[in-house]
C-alpha atoms as a PDB file:
ATOM      1  CA  MET A   1      12.847 -15.328  15.841  1.00  0.00           C
ATOM      2  CA  THR A   2       9.940 -16.307  18.075  1.00  0.00           C
ATOM      3  CA  SER A   3       6.606 -15.108  16.704  1.00  0.00           C
ATOM      4  CA  LEU A   4       4.865 -12.476  18.803  1.00  0.00           C
ATOM      5  CA  VAL A   5       1.663 -12.806  16.792  1.00  0.00           C
ATOM      6  CA  PRO A   6      -1.241 -14.935  18.064  1.00  0.00           C
ATOM      7  CA  ALA A   7      -1.922 -18.159  16.192  1.00  0.00           C
ATOM      8  CA  PRO A   8      -4.206 -17.751  13.169  1.00  0.00           C
ATOM      9  CA  GLY A   9      -7.588 -19.344  12.692  1.00  0.00           C
ATOM     10  CA  ARG A  10      -8.157 -22.419  10.605  1.00  0.00           C
ATOM     11  CA  ASP A  11      -8.257 -20.392   7.379  1.00  0.00           C
ATOM     12  CA  GLY A  12      -4.950 -18.680   8.164  1.00  0.00           C
ATOM     13  CA  SER A  13      -6.654 -15.439   9.185  1.00  0.00           C
ATOM     14  CA  ALA A  14      -6.005 -13.360  12.273  1.00  0.00           C
ATOM     15  CA  GLY A  15      -8.694 -11.241  13.885  1.00  0.00           C
ATOM     16  CA  ILE A  16      -8.505  -7.462  13.992  1.00  0.00           C
ATOM     17  CA  GLU A  17      -8.022  -7.775  17.767  1.00  0.00           C
ATOM     18  CA  THR A  18      -4.519  -9.048  16.970  1.00  0.00           C
ATOM     19  CA  ILE A  19      -3.462  -5.435  16.385  1.00  0.00           C
ATOM     20  CA  ALA A  20      -5.825  -3.814  18.894  1.00  0.00           C
ATOM     21  CA  GLU A  21      -3.056  -1.855  20.610  1.00  0.00           C
ATOM     22  CA  SER A  22      -1.886  -0.440  17.278  1.00  0.00           C
ATOM     23  CA  LEU A  23      -5.259   0.587  15.870  1.00  0.00           C
ATOM     24  CA  VAL A  24      -6.342   4.238  15.933  1.00  0.00           C
ATOM     25  CA  CYS A  25      -9.268   6.163  14.545  1.00  0.00           C
ATOM     26  CA  PRO A  26      -8.416   7.149  10.952  1.00  0.00           C
ATOM     27  CA  GLY A  27     -10.246  10.430  11.465  1.00  0.00           C
ATOM     28  CA  CYS A  28      -8.717  11.789  14.676  1.00  0.00           C
ATOM     29  CA  ALA A  29      -5.966   9.244  15.549  1.00  0.00           C
ATOM     30  CA  ALA A  30      -7.450   8.526  18.992  1.00  0.00           C
ATOM     31  CA  ARG A  31      -7.750   5.106  20.609  1.00  0.00           C
ATOM     32  CA  VAL A  32     -10.526   2.810  19.457  1.00  0.00           C
ATOM     33  CA  ALA A  33     -12.613   0.077  21.075  1.00  0.00           C
ATOM     34  CA  ILE A  34     -13.267  -3.131  19.159  1.00  0.00           C
ATOM     35  CA  GLY A  35     -16.813  -4.446  19.506  1.00  0.00           C
ATOM     36  CA  SER A  36     -18.605  -7.432  18.040  1.00  0.00           C
ATOM     37  CA  ASP A  37     -19.747  -5.621  14.895  1.00  0.00           C
ATOM     38  CA  SER A  38     -17.945  -2.270  14.901  1.00  0.00           C
ATOM     39  CA  ILE A  39     -14.802  -0.403  15.863  1.00  0.00           C
ATOM     40  CA  ASP A  40     -15.617   2.758  17.795  1.00  0.00           C
ATOM     41  CA  CYS A  41     -13.483   5.824  18.412  1.00  0.00           C
ATOM     42  CA  THR A  42     -13.145   6.719  22.087  1.00  0.00           C
ATOM     43  CA  SER A  43     -12.733  10.421  21.281  1.00  0.00           C
ATOM     44  CA  CYS A  44     -14.664  11.685  18.254  1.00  0.00           C
ATOM     45  CA  GLY A  45     -17.408   9.041  18.421  1.00  0.00           C
ATOM     46  CA  ALA A  46     -16.930   7.733  14.881  1.00  0.00           C
ATOM     47  CA  SER A  47     -17.983   4.127  14.325  1.00  0.00           C
ATOM     48  CA  TYR A  48     -16.522   1.817  11.695  1.00  0.00           C
ATOM     49  CA  PRO A  49     -18.309  -1.418  10.749  1.00  0.00           C
ATOM     50  CA  LEU A  50     -16.879  -4.931  10.959  1.00  0.00           C
ATOM     51  CA  ARG A  51     -18.322  -6.795   7.992  1.00  0.00           C
ATOM     52  CA  ASP A  52     -17.532 -10.390   6.996  1.00  0.00           C
ATOM     53  CA  GLY A  53     -14.389 -10.298   9.125  1.00  0.00           C
ATOM     54  CA  ILE A  54     -13.118  -7.108   7.476  1.00  0.00           C
ATOM     55  CA  ALA A  55     -12.741  -3.846   9.396  1.00  0.00           C
ATOM     56  CA  LEU A  56     -14.064  -0.989   7.252  1.00  0.00           C
ATOM     57  CA  LEU A  57     -11.696   1.794   8.285  1.00  0.00           C
ATOM     58  CA  ALA A  58     -11.265   3.699   5.023  1.00  0.00           C
ATOM     59  CA  ILE A  59     -11.830   7.437   4.801  1.00  0.00           C
ATOM     60  CA  ARG A  60     -12.634   8.541   1.257  1.00  0.00           C
ATOM     61  CA  GLY A  61     -11.334  11.847  -0.052  1.00  0.00           C
ATOM     62  CA  THR A  62      -8.008  13.570  -0.580  1.00  0.00           C
ATOM     63  CA  SER A  63      -6.373  16.876   0.367  1.00  0.00           C
ATOM     64  CA  GLU A  64      -9.508  18.356   1.918  1.00  0.00           C
ATOM     65  CA  THR A  65      -9.490  15.516   4.477  1.00  0.00           C
ATOM     66  CA  TRP A  66      -6.147  16.594   5.946  1.00  0.00           C
ATOM     67  CA  GLY A  67      -6.801  20.327   5.941  1.00  0.00           C
ATOM     68  CA  GLU A  68      -5.425  21.461   2.584  1.00  0.00           C
ATOM     69  CA  PRO A  69      -7.386  23.072  -0.267  1.00  0.00           C
ATOM     70  CA  GLN A  70      -9.170  20.648  -2.550  1.00  0.00           C
ATOM     71  CA  ALA A  71      -7.362  20.464  -5.884  1.00  0.00           C
ATOM     72  CA  GLY A  72      -9.238  20.508  -9.177  1.00  0.00           C
ATOM     73  CA  GLU A  73      -7.623  17.226 -10.228  1.00  0.00           C
ATOM     74  CA  GLN A  74      -7.234  14.523  -7.600  1.00  0.00           C
ATOM     75  CA  SER A  75      -7.644  10.790  -6.988  1.00  0.00           C
ATOM     76  CA  THR A  76     -11.228  10.716  -5.715  1.00  0.00           C
ATOM     77  CA  SER A  77     -12.590   8.804  -8.723  1.00  0.00           C
ATOM     78  CA  TYR A  78      -9.791   6.236  -8.497  1.00  0.00           C
ATOM     79  CA  GLN A  79     -10.745   5.514  -4.893  1.00  0.00           C
ATOM     80  CA  GLY A  80     -14.160   4.368  -6.081  1.00  0.00           C
ATOM     81  CA  GLU A  81     -12.835   1.676  -8.406  1.00  0.00           C
ATOM     82  CA  TYR A  82     -12.924  -2.036  -7.492  1.00  0.00           C
ATOM     83  CA  GLN A  83     -15.345  -1.670  -4.606  1.00  0.00           C
ATOM     84  CA  ARG A  84     -17.393  -4.436  -6.235  1.00  0.00           C
ATOM     85  CA  VAL A  85     -15.826  -7.882  -6.146  1.00  0.00           C
ATOM     86  CA  ASP A  86     -16.653  -8.590  -9.816  1.00  0.00           C
ATOM     87  CA  ARG A  87     -14.643  -5.563 -10.949  1.00  0.00           C
ATOM     88  CA  ALA A  88     -11.807  -6.511  -8.623  1.00  0.00           C
ATOM     89  CA  ALA A  89     -11.872 -10.050 -10.031  1.00  0.00           C
ATOM     90  CA  ALA A  90     -11.648  -8.788 -13.620  1.00  0.00           C
ATOM     91  CA  TYR A  91      -8.639  -6.632 -12.744  1.00  0.00           C
ATOM     92  CA  ASN A  92      -6.781  -9.386 -10.916  1.00  0.00           C
ATOM     93  CA  LEU A  93      -7.537 -12.109 -13.428  1.00  0.00           C
ATOM     94  CA  SER A  94      -6.036  -9.966 -16.194  1.00  0.00           C
ATOM     95  CA  TYR A  95      -2.668 -10.355 -14.450  1.00  0.00           C
ATOM     96  CA  ARG A  96      -3.030 -14.127 -14.661  1.00  0.00           C
ATOM     97  CA  GLN A  97      -4.330 -14.346 -18.222  1.00  0.00           C
ATOM     98  CA  ARG A  98      -2.257 -11.813 -20.174  1.00  0.00           C
ATOM     99  CA  LEU A  99       1.305 -12.807 -21.017  1.00  0.00           C
ATOM    100  CA  LEU A 100       2.852  -9.365 -20.559  1.00  0.00           C
ATOM    101  CA  LYS A 101       1.152  -8.937 -17.189  1.00  0.00           C
ATOM    102  CA  ARG A 102       2.328 -12.386 -16.049  1.00  0.00           C
ATOM    103  CA  GLN A 103       5.872 -11.463 -17.028  1.00  0.00           C
ATOM    104  CA  SER A 104       5.545  -8.171 -15.162  1.00  0.00           C
ATOM    105  CA  THR A 105       4.398 -10.023 -12.042  1.00  0.00           C
ATOM    106  CA  GLN A 106       7.439 -12.310 -12.252  1.00  0.00           C
ATOM    107  CA  ARG A 107       9.771  -9.304 -12.386  1.00  0.00           C
ATOM    108  CA  GLU A 108       7.937  -7.684  -9.485  1.00  0.00           C
ATOM    109  CA  PHE A 109       8.271 -10.851  -7.407  1.00  0.00           C
ATOM    110  CA  LYS A 110      12.007 -10.860  -8.054  1.00  0.00           C
ATOM    111  CA  LEU A 111      12.442  -7.209  -7.068  1.00  0.00           C
ATOM    112  CA  LEU A 112      10.307  -7.530  -3.946  1.00  0.00           C
ATOM    113  CA  ARG A 113      12.223 -10.572  -2.757  1.00  0.00           C
ATOM    114  CA  GLN A 114      15.540  -8.817  -3.334  1.00  0.00           C
ATOM    115  CA  LEU A 115      14.471  -5.730  -1.390  1.00  0.00           C
ATOM    116  CA  ILE A 116      12.821  -7.681   1.423  1.00  0.00           C
ATOM    117  CA  GLY A 117      16.009  -9.717   1.659  1.00  0.00           C
ATOM    118  CA  ARG A 118      17.909  -6.514   2.438  1.00  0.00           C
ATOM    119  CA  VAL A 119      15.699  -5.579   5.400  1.00  0.00           C
ATOM    120  CA  GLY A 120      15.502  -9.034   7.006  1.00  0.00           C
ATOM    121  CA  ARG A 121      12.623 -10.673   8.788  1.00  0.00           C
ATOM    122  CA  SER A 122       9.730  -8.616  10.128  1.00  0.00           C
ATOM    123  CA  ARG A 123       7.144  -9.136  12.805  1.00  0.00           C
ATOM    124  CA  ILE A 124       4.419  -7.203  10.924  1.00  0.00           C
ATOM    125  CA  ILE A 125       4.314  -5.961   7.321  1.00  0.00           C
ATOM    126  CA  LEU A 126       1.522  -3.719   6.068  1.00  0.00           C
ATOM    127  CA  ASP A 127       0.514  -4.351   2.445  1.00  0.00           C
ATOM    128  CA  LEU A 128      -1.262  -1.172   1.262  1.00  0.00           C
ATOM    129  CA  PRO A 129      -2.833  -1.213  -1.236  1.00  0.00           C
ATOM    130  CA  CYS A 130      -2.847  -4.994  -1.288  1.00  0.00           C
ATOM    131  CA  GLY A 131      -5.302  -5.247  -4.196  1.00  0.00           C
ATOM    132  CA  GLY A 132      -6.273  -8.861  -4.702  1.00  0.00           C
ATOM    133  CA  SER A 133      -3.113 -10.147  -2.954  1.00  0.00           C
ATOM    134  CA  ARG A 134      -1.294 -10.521  -6.283  1.00  0.00           C
ATOM    135  CA  LEU A 135       2.121  -9.667  -4.841  1.00  0.00           C
ATOM    136  CA  THR A 136       1.674 -10.669  -1.197  1.00  0.00           C
ATOM    137  CA  PRO A 137       3.271 -14.122  -1.721  1.00  0.00           C
ATOM    138  CA  ALA A 138       6.533 -12.414  -2.697  1.00  0.00           C
ATOM    139  CA  PHE A 139       7.187 -11.211   0.858  1.00  0.00           C
ATOM    140  CA  ALA A 140       4.632 -12.827   3.203  1.00  0.00           C
ATOM    141  CA  ALA A 141       7.016 -15.592   4.286  1.00  0.00           C
ATOM    142  CA  SER A 142       9.350 -12.910   5.694  1.00  0.00           C
ATOM    143  CA  ALA A 143       6.770 -11.751   8.261  1.00  0.00           C
ATOM    144  CA  ASP A 144       4.927 -13.199  11.237  1.00  0.00           C
ATOM    145  CA  LEU A 145       1.796 -11.250  10.246  1.00  0.00           C
ATOM    146  CA  VAL A 146       0.686  -9.383   7.132  1.00  0.00           C
ATOM    147  CA  ILE A 147      -1.955  -6.658   7.345  1.00  0.00           C
ATOM    148  CA  GLU A 148      -3.699  -6.560   3.980  1.00  0.00           C
ATOM    149  CA  ALA A 149      -5.325  -3.177   3.467  1.00  0.00           C
ATOM    150  CA  ASP A 150      -6.976  -1.526   0.506  1.00  0.00           C
ATOM    151  CA  ILE A 151      -9.510   1.247   0.043  1.00  0.00           C
ATOM    152  CA  ALA A 152     -11.554  -1.111  -2.164  1.00  0.00           C
ATOM    153  CA  HIS A 153     -13.676  -3.653  -0.306  1.00  0.00           C
ATOM    154  CA  GLY A 154     -13.991  -5.768  -3.462  1.00  0.00           C
ATOM    155  CA  GLN A 155     -10.239  -6.204  -3.709  1.00  0.00           C
ATOM    156  CA  LEU A 156     -10.059  -7.512  -0.148  1.00  0.00           C
ATOM    157  CA  LEU A 157     -12.894  -9.983  -0.732  1.00  0.00           C
ATOM    158  CA  PHE A 158     -11.228 -11.276  -3.884  1.00  0.00           C
ATOM    159  CA  GLY A 159      -7.786 -11.554  -2.292  1.00  0.00           C
ATOM    160  CA  ARG A 160      -9.063 -13.300   0.810  1.00  0.00           C
ATOM    161  CA  ALA A 161     -10.939 -15.849  -1.289  1.00  0.00           C
ATOM    162  CA  GLU A 162      -8.249 -16.488  -3.893  1.00  0.00           C
ATOM    163  CA  SER A 163      -4.885 -16.149  -2.138  1.00  0.00           C
ATOM    164  CA  SER A 164      -3.145 -19.240  -0.753  1.00  0.00           C
ATOM    165  CA  VAL A 165      -0.599 -17.424   1.447  1.00  0.00           C
ATOM    166  CA  THR A 166      -0.033 -19.362   4.674  1.00  0.00           C
ATOM    167  CA  THR A 167       1.363 -16.489   6.751  1.00  0.00           C
ATOM    168  CA  PRO A 168      -1.258 -15.196   9.232  1.00  0.00           C
ATOM    169  CA  ARG A 169      -3.100 -12.205   7.747  1.00  0.00           C
ATOM    170  CA  LEU A 170      -5.863  -9.811   8.636  1.00  0.00           C
ATOM    171  CA  TRP A 171      -7.881  -7.553   6.359  1.00  0.00           C
ATOM    172  CA  MET A 172      -9.134  -3.996   6.620  1.00  0.00           C
ATOM    173  CA  THR A 173     -10.172  -1.206   4.297  1.00  0.00           C
ATOM    174  CA  ALA A 174      -7.960   1.835   4.711  1.00  0.00           C
ATOM    175  CA  SER A 175      -6.947   4.971   2.880  1.00  0.00           C
ATOM    176  CA  ALA A 176      -3.219   5.404   2.429  1.00  0.00           C
ATOM    177  CA  PHE A 177      -3.808   9.065   3.298  1.00  0.00           C
ATOM    178  CA  HIS A 178      -5.249   8.109   6.711  1.00  0.00           C
ATOM    179  CA  ILE A 179      -3.717   4.822   7.829  1.00  0.00           C
ATOM    180  CA  PRO A 180      -5.529   3.711  11.028  1.00  0.00           C
ATOM    181  CA  LEU A 181      -2.350   2.670  12.846  1.00  0.00           C
ATOM    182  CA  ARG A 182      -0.136   4.232  15.475  1.00  0.00           C
ATOM    183  CA  ASP A 183       3.278   5.659  14.601  1.00  0.00           C
ATOM    184  CA  GLY A 184       5.859   2.934  14.034  1.00  0.00           C
ATOM    185  CA  SER A 185       3.384   0.127  14.622  1.00  0.00           C
ATOM    186  CA  VAL A 186       4.565  -2.078  11.734  1.00  0.00           C
ATOM    187  CA  ASP A 187       8.098  -3.029  10.744  1.00  0.00           C
ATOM    188  CA  GLY A 188       7.547  -1.967   7.181  1.00  0.00           C
ATOM    189  CA  THR A 189       5.006  -1.168   4.494  1.00  0.00           C
ATOM    190  CA  VAL A 190       4.804  -2.389   0.913  1.00  0.00           C
ATOM    191  CA  CYS A 191       2.960   0.066  -1.348  1.00  0.00           C
ATOM    192  CA  VAL A 192       2.868  -1.003  -4.995  1.00  0.00           C
ATOM    193  CA  ARG A 193       1.257   0.806  -7.953  1.00  0.00           C
ATOM    194  CA  LEU A 194      -0.469   3.567  -6.043  1.00  0.00           C
ATOM    195  CA  SER A 195       1.575   6.766  -6.357  1.00  0.00           C
ATOM    196  CA  HIS A 196       1.215   6.906 -10.140  1.00  0.00           C
ATOM    197  CA  HIS A 197      -2.569   7.132  -9.692  1.00  0.00           C
ATOM    198  CA  LEU A 198      -2.223  10.293  -7.585  1.00  0.00           C
ATOM    199  CA  PRO A 199      -2.332  13.379  -9.813  1.00  0.00           C
ATOM    200  CA  THR A 200      -1.136  16.015  -7.335  1.00  0.00           C
ATOM    201  CA  ALA A 201       2.159  16.494  -5.555  1.00  0.00           C
ATOM    202  CA  ALA A 202       0.227  17.015  -2.306  1.00  0.00           C
ATOM    203  CA  GLU A 203      -1.299  13.528  -2.555  1.00  0.00           C
ATOM    204  CA  ARG A 204       2.002  11.844  -3.410  1.00  0.00           C
ATOM    205  CA  GLU A 205       3.771  13.592  -0.535  1.00  0.00           C
ATOM    206  CA  ARG A 206       0.964  12.759   1.892  1.00  0.00           C
ATOM    207  CA  LEU A 207       1.242   9.125   0.798  1.00  0.00           C
ATOM    208  CA  LEU A 208       4.948   8.891   1.601  1.00  0.00           C
ATOM    209  CA  THR A 209       4.457  10.770   4.874  1.00  0.00           C
ATOM    210  CA  GLU A 210       1.841   8.271   6.058  1.00  0.00           C
ATOM    211  CA  LEU A 211       3.808   5.218   4.926  1.00  0.00           C
ATOM    212  CA  LEU A 212       6.864   6.385   6.857  1.00  0.00           C
ATOM    213  CA  ARG A 213       4.815   7.406   9.886  1.00  0.00           C
ATOM    214  CA  VAL A 214       3.450   3.917  10.536  1.00  0.00           C
ATOM    215  CA  SER A 215       6.636   2.066   9.503  1.00  0.00           C
ATOM    216  CA  ARG A 216       9.354   1.540  12.071  1.00  0.00           C
ATOM    217  CA  ARG A 217      12.094   0.258   9.755  1.00  0.00           C
ATOM    218  CA  PHE A 218      11.337   0.502   6.036  1.00  0.00           C
ATOM    219  CA  VAL A 219       8.993   1.346   3.181  1.00  0.00           C
ATOM    220  CA  ILE A 220       8.972  -0.288  -0.232  1.00  0.00           C
ATOM    221  CA  MET A 221       6.946   1.784  -2.682  1.00  0.00           C
ATOM    222  CA  THR A 222       6.706   2.131  -6.432  1.00  0.00           C
ATOM    223  CA  PHE A 223       6.667   5.340  -8.425  1.00  0.00           C
ATOM    224  CA  PHE A 224       6.581   6.118 -12.133  1.00  0.00           C
ATOM    225  CA  ASP A 225       9.969   7.581 -13.034  1.00  0.00           C
ATOM    226  CA  HIS A 226       9.721  10.935 -14.808  1.00  0.00           C
ATOM    227  CA  HIS A 227      13.007  10.255 -16.604  1.00  0.00           C
ATOM    228  CA  SER A 228      12.194   6.691 -17.688  1.00  0.00           C
ATOM    229  CA  LEU A 229      12.361   5.833 -21.379  1.00  0.00           C
ATOM    230  CA  LYS A 230       8.655   4.987 -21.378  1.00  0.00           C
ATOM    231  CA  ASN A 231       7.712   8.400 -20.020  1.00  0.00           C
ATOM    232  CA  VAL A 232      10.093  10.255 -22.344  1.00  0.00           C
ATOM    233  CA  LEU A 233       8.540   8.512 -25.351  1.00  0.00           C
ATOM    234  CA  ARG A 234       5.052   9.230 -24.067  1.00  0.00           C
ATOM    235  CA  ARG A 235       5.866  12.914 -23.732  1.00  0.00           C
ATOM    236  CA  LEU A 236       7.273  13.008 -27.279  1.00  0.00           C
ATOM    237  CA  ARG A 237       4.130  11.339 -28.685  1.00  0.00           C
ATOM    238  CA  ARG A 238       1.698  13.479 -26.736  1.00  0.00           C
ATOM    239  CA  PRO A 239       1.212  16.205 -29.385  1.00  0.00           C
ATOM    240  CA  LEU A 240       0.139  13.447 -31.791  1.00  0.00           C
ATOM    241  CA  ASP A 241      -1.908  11.009 -29.717  1.00  0.00           C
ATOM    242  CA  ARG A 242      -2.971  13.481 -26.976  1.00  0.00           C
ATOM    243  CA  GLN A 243      -2.602  10.868 -24.265  1.00  0.00           C
ATOM    244  CA  PRO A 244      -2.720  12.388 -20.754  1.00  0.00           C
ATOM    245  CA  PRO A 245       0.666  12.740 -19.047  1.00  0.00           C
ATOM    246  CA  LYS A 246       1.764  10.122 -16.557  1.00  0.00           C
ATOM    247  CA  MET A 247       1.729  11.017 -12.881  1.00  0.00           C
ATOM    248  CA  THR A 248       5.436  10.826 -12.223  1.00  0.00           C
ATOM    249  CA  MET A 249       8.143  11.454  -9.650  1.00  0.00           C
ATOM    250  CA  THR A 250      11.906  11.660  -9.972  1.00  0.00           C
ATOM    251  CA  THR A 251      14.299   9.518  -7.970  1.00  0.00           C
ATOM    252  CA  ALA A 252      15.864  12.708  -6.636  1.00  0.00           C
ATOM    253  CA  ARG A 253      12.478  13.937  -5.373  1.00  0.00           C
ATOM    254  CA  VAL A 254      11.715  10.626  -3.665  1.00  0.00           C
ATOM    255  CA  ALA A 255      15.119  10.782  -1.948  1.00  0.00           C
ATOM    256  CA  GLU A 256      14.494  14.387  -0.899  1.00  0.00           C
ATOM    257  CA  LEU A 257      11.051  13.616   0.536  1.00  0.00           C
ATOM    258  CA  ALA A 258      12.458  10.625   2.431  1.00  0.00           C
ATOM    259  CA  GLN A 259      15.275  12.712   3.919  1.00  0.00           C
ATOM    260  CA  GLU A 260      12.846  15.423   5.015  1.00  0.00           C
ATOM    261  CA  ARG A 261      10.987  12.720   6.959  1.00  0.00           C
ATOM    262  CA  GLY A 262      14.017  11.236   8.683  1.00  0.00           C
ATOM    263  CA  ALA A 263      14.587   8.355   6.265  1.00  0.00           C
ATOM    264  CA  ARG A 264      16.810   7.613   3.288  1.00  0.00           C
ATOM    265  CA  LEU A 265      16.397   6.103  -0.148  1.00  0.00           C
ATOM    266  CA  VAL A 266      18.863   3.223  -0.492  1.00  0.00           C
ATOM    267  CA  ALA A 267      17.686   1.618  -3.756  1.00  0.00           C
ATOM    268  CA  ALA A 268      15.322   2.365  -6.639  1.00  0.00           C
ATOM    269  CA  PRO A 269      15.694  -0.380  -9.255  1.00  0.00           C
ATOM    270  CA  PRO A 270      13.511  -0.134 -12.377  1.00  0.00           C
ATOM    271  CA  LEU A 271      10.892  -2.759 -13.060  1.00  0.00           C
ATOM    272  CA  SER A 272      12.061  -2.689 -16.687  1.00  0.00           C
ATOM    273  CA  ARG A 273      14.259  -0.139 -18.415  1.00  0.00           C
ATOM    274  CA  ILE A 274      12.319  -0.508 -21.668  1.00  0.00           C
ATOM    275  CA  GLY A 275       8.872  -1.932 -21.017  1.00  0.00           C
ATOM    276  CA  SER A 276       7.951  -0.081 -17.824  1.00  0.00           C
ATOM    277  CA  GLY A 277       8.495   3.272 -16.166  1.00  0.00           C
ATOM    278  CA  HIS A 278       7.942   1.969 -12.631  1.00  0.00           C
ATOM    279  CA  ARG A 279      10.708   1.899 -10.038  1.00  0.00           C
ATOM    280  CA  TYR A 280      10.716   0.040  -6.718  1.00  0.00           C
ATOM    281  CA  ALA A 281      12.031   2.357  -4.008  1.00  0.00           C
ATOM    282  CA  LEU A 282      13.476   0.962  -0.780  1.00  0.00           C
ATOM    283  CA  ILE A 283      13.339   3.687   1.859  1.00  0.00           C
ATOM    284  CA  VAL A 284      14.730   2.905   5.296  1.00  0.00           C
ATOM    285  CA  LYS A 285      14.589   4.438   8.756  1.00  0.00           C
ATOM    286  CA  ASP A 286      16.812   1.794  10.379  1.00  0.00           C
ATOM    287  CA  GLN A 287      20.439   2.891  10.025  1.00  0.00           C
ATOM    288  CA  GLY A 288      21.513  -0.758  10.121  1.00  0.00           C
ATOM    289  CA  ILE A 289      19.936  -1.471   6.726  1.00  0.00           C
ATOM    290  CA  ALA A 290      22.325  -0.954   3.814  1.00  0.00           C
END
């Protein structure tokens, strides 16, 4: 396949202008104009800064931002984590230093490569939330361009400084509830370890809706399986240790939500049947993907 993506800079980065035709205002979905130090909406007048080569396009907030009542419990506090690069560094370094986390990363690499292998090569993959680029190397070689997006500015700074991926990439802050891209503007989206931080069904459903909206062919997302052994044991222990319940989904519900949005769930392998409750869901819109 001949790359349709402009050549990257010396550091492997691509400017935000690379996806100028795909960018939209995260607030009103209108066209935007890219300036030297900001991205400006041509309709509502909102202006989003360009800082250190990163487009700051994230909208903070949850259900109230898309016109639904604000729930008592939601993910607002989670959105504020890892904005500082030192906190992002501590989080990411724990995955390098702790044995169990290193083993988890190895299993995640294996699953991602298997699922990406089923969908074939892509022109553009959106990695949201990309965190500190921990898992990007597992699939970056299968794309001409990777858009690394996260609501936390600190995560992007850490990932850009530490990651050695050679595939052209660009960075932007973005909320997964308001992805600043046109419909079907990327081949696929990888969304790892986000849904289990979202305490309401409205947030989890909005997440999948947005991921499928911007993805032309596929979505790979994780969810914490309600019926997993880890969650069953946690529920049995809860009267004793009073740990809060996990924010879970069932495989059947993921499949139902996908079908309602014109897609289908074709695989949902567990990260570990014993040590983890996470599943990696491959959801496709392209009927040619088995």
